[in-house]
Amino acid sequence: EMINNPDQIEAPPQYRDILHSDSVFVRFQDGEATRNKLDYGVNQEAPTLHRGLKERHMTMIAVGGTIGTGQALSASGPGGILVSYFIVAIMVYFVMTSLGLLRAD
């Protein structure tokens, strides 16, 4: 069916930007993330995200990474370590480039 009158054309639907919506606004303060109170009832407590890694946790992660590298070194020798680090470096480069491009847009 042809439209002869411009008043017959319906306006496109209007959408709110969900990133700037009041109902999903997230605040970051002191290492904690809390949602806006609009998402919860008046008497409900908003859940929070707490920082759980302490210094001892980070130390154990570092020790585990060192042990893993030592095991790979004993199994494949220094050439295998260099090749594996090179492969991981390429992957990290592409991921960081992608994140940079996403941030630039």
Protein backbone atom coordinates (compact mmCIF):
# COMPACT_ATOMS: atom_id res chain seq x y z
CA GLU A 1 0.00 0.00 0.00
CA MET A 2 1.36 3.40 -0.94
CA ILE A 3 1.62 6.20 1.57
CA ASN A 4 0.52 9.50 0.11
CA ASN A 5 0.47 11.53 3.30
CA PRO A 6 3.67 11.95 5.38
CA ASP A 7 1.53 11.97 8.56
CA GLN A 8 0.75 8.28 7.97
CA ILE A 9 4.38 7.28 8.56
CA GLU A 10 4.94 5.92 12.06
CA ALA A 11 7.89 7.19 14.04
CA PRO A 12 10.54 4.56 14.80
CA PRO A 13 10.53 3.24 18.37
CA GLN A 14 12.72 5.08 20.85
CA TYR A 15 15.15 3.01 22.90
CA ARG A 16 16.97 4.11 26.03
CA ASP A 17 20.68 3.59 26.21
CA ILE A 18 21.02 0.74 28.69
CA LEU A 19 24.52 1.82 29.72
CA HIS A 20 23.18 5.14 30.96
CA SER A 21 19.89 3.86 32.32
CA ASP A 22 19.24 4.70 35.97
CA SER A 23 18.14 1.15 36.75
CA VAL A 24 21.47 -0.48 35.87
CA PHE A 25 23.91 2.21 36.93
CA VAL A 26 26.86 0.65 38.72
CA ARG A 27 29.08 2.60 41.10
CA PHE A 28 32.64 1.58 41.97
CA GLN A 29 33.86 2.83 45.32
CA ASP A 30 36.73 1.51 47.42
CA GLY A 31 37.03 -1.67 45.35
CA GLU A 32 33.33 -2.49 45.65
CA ALA A 33 30.67 -2.44 42.96
CA THR A 34 27.06 -1.78 43.96
CA ARG A 35 23.98 -1.51 41.81
CA ASN A 36 21.63 1.40 42.11
CA LYS A 37 18.82 1.01 44.66
CA LEU A 38 16.23 1.15 41.83
CA ASP A 39 16.97 -2.50 41.02
CA TYR A 40 15.97 -3.64 44.50
CA GLY A 41 12.98 -3.16 46.73
CA VAL A 42 12.88 -0.58 49.48
CA ASN A 43 13.67 -3.09 52.23
CA GLN A 44 16.17 -5.21 50.29
CA GLU A 45 19.89 -4.80 50.70
CA ALA A 46 21.77 -4.35 47.42
CA PRO A 47 24.42 -7.06 46.92
CA THR A 48 28.01 -5.87 46.79
CA LEU A 49 31.17 -7.18 45.21
CA HIS A 50 34.03 -7.45 47.70
CA ARG A 51 37.69 -7.63 46.89
CA GLY A 52 38.74 -11.13 47.92
CA LEU A 53 42.40 -11.47 46.92
CA LYS A 54 44.87 -10.76 49.66
CA GLU A 55 48.66 -10.56 49.49
CA ARG A 56 49.06 -14.24 50.37
CA HIS A 57 46.75 -15.22 47.51
CA MET A 58 48.84 -13.25 45.03
CA THR A 59 52.00 -14.84 46.42
CA MET A 60 50.59 -18.33 45.93
CA ILE A 61 49.56 -17.49 42.34
CA ALA A 62 53.10 -16.28 41.63
CA VAL A 63 54.65 -19.40 43.20
CA GLY A 64 52.31 -21.62 41.17
CA GLY A 65 53.29 -19.83 37.97
CA THR A 66 56.96 -20.26 38.77
CA ILE A 67 56.55 -23.97 39.48
CA GLY A 68 54.63 -24.44 36.22
CA THR A 69 57.34 -22.67 34.24
CA GLY A 70 60.04 -24.79 35.89
CA GLN A 71 58.20 -28.01 35.03
CA ALA A 72 57.87 -26.93 31.39
CA LEU A 73 61.56 -26.01 31.31
CA SER A 74 62.61 -29.42 32.60
CA ALA A 75 60.35 -31.22 30.09
CA SER A 76 61.13 -29.29 26.90
CA GLY A 77 64.28 -27.30 27.51
CA PRO A 78 64.89 -23.59 26.97
CA GLY A 79 63.84 -23.67 23.31
CA GLY A 80 60.36 -24.88 24.18
CA ILE A 81 59.98 -22.13 26.76
CA LEU A 82 61.00 -19.46 24.25
CA VAL A 83 58.57 -20.79 21.65
CA SER A 84 55.70 -20.96 24.14
CA TYR A 85 56.40 -17.45 25.47
CA PHE A 86 56.51 -16.17 21.88
CA ILE A 87 53.13 -17.77 21.09
CA VAL A 88 51.56 -16.33 24.24
CA ALA A 89 53.09 -12.91 23.50
CA ILE A 90 51.45 -12.92 20.06
CA MET A 91 48.08 -13.81 21.60
CA VAL A 92 48.41 -11.08 24.23
CA TYR A 93 49.37 -8.56 21.53
CA PHE A 94 46.25 -9.34 19.48
CA VAL A 95 43.98 -9.21 22.53
CA MET A 96 45.41 -5.86 23.64
CA THR A 97 45.13 -4.48 20.10
CA SER A 98 41.49 -5.58 19.98
CA LEU A 99 40.77 -3.97 23.34
CA GLY A 100 42.45 -0.77 22.18
CA LEU A 101 40.29 -0.71 19.06
CA LEU A 102 37.15 -1.28 21.11
CA ARG A 103 38.09 1.56 23.42
CA ALA A 104 38.83 3.89 20.49
CA ASP A 105 35.28 3.52 19.12
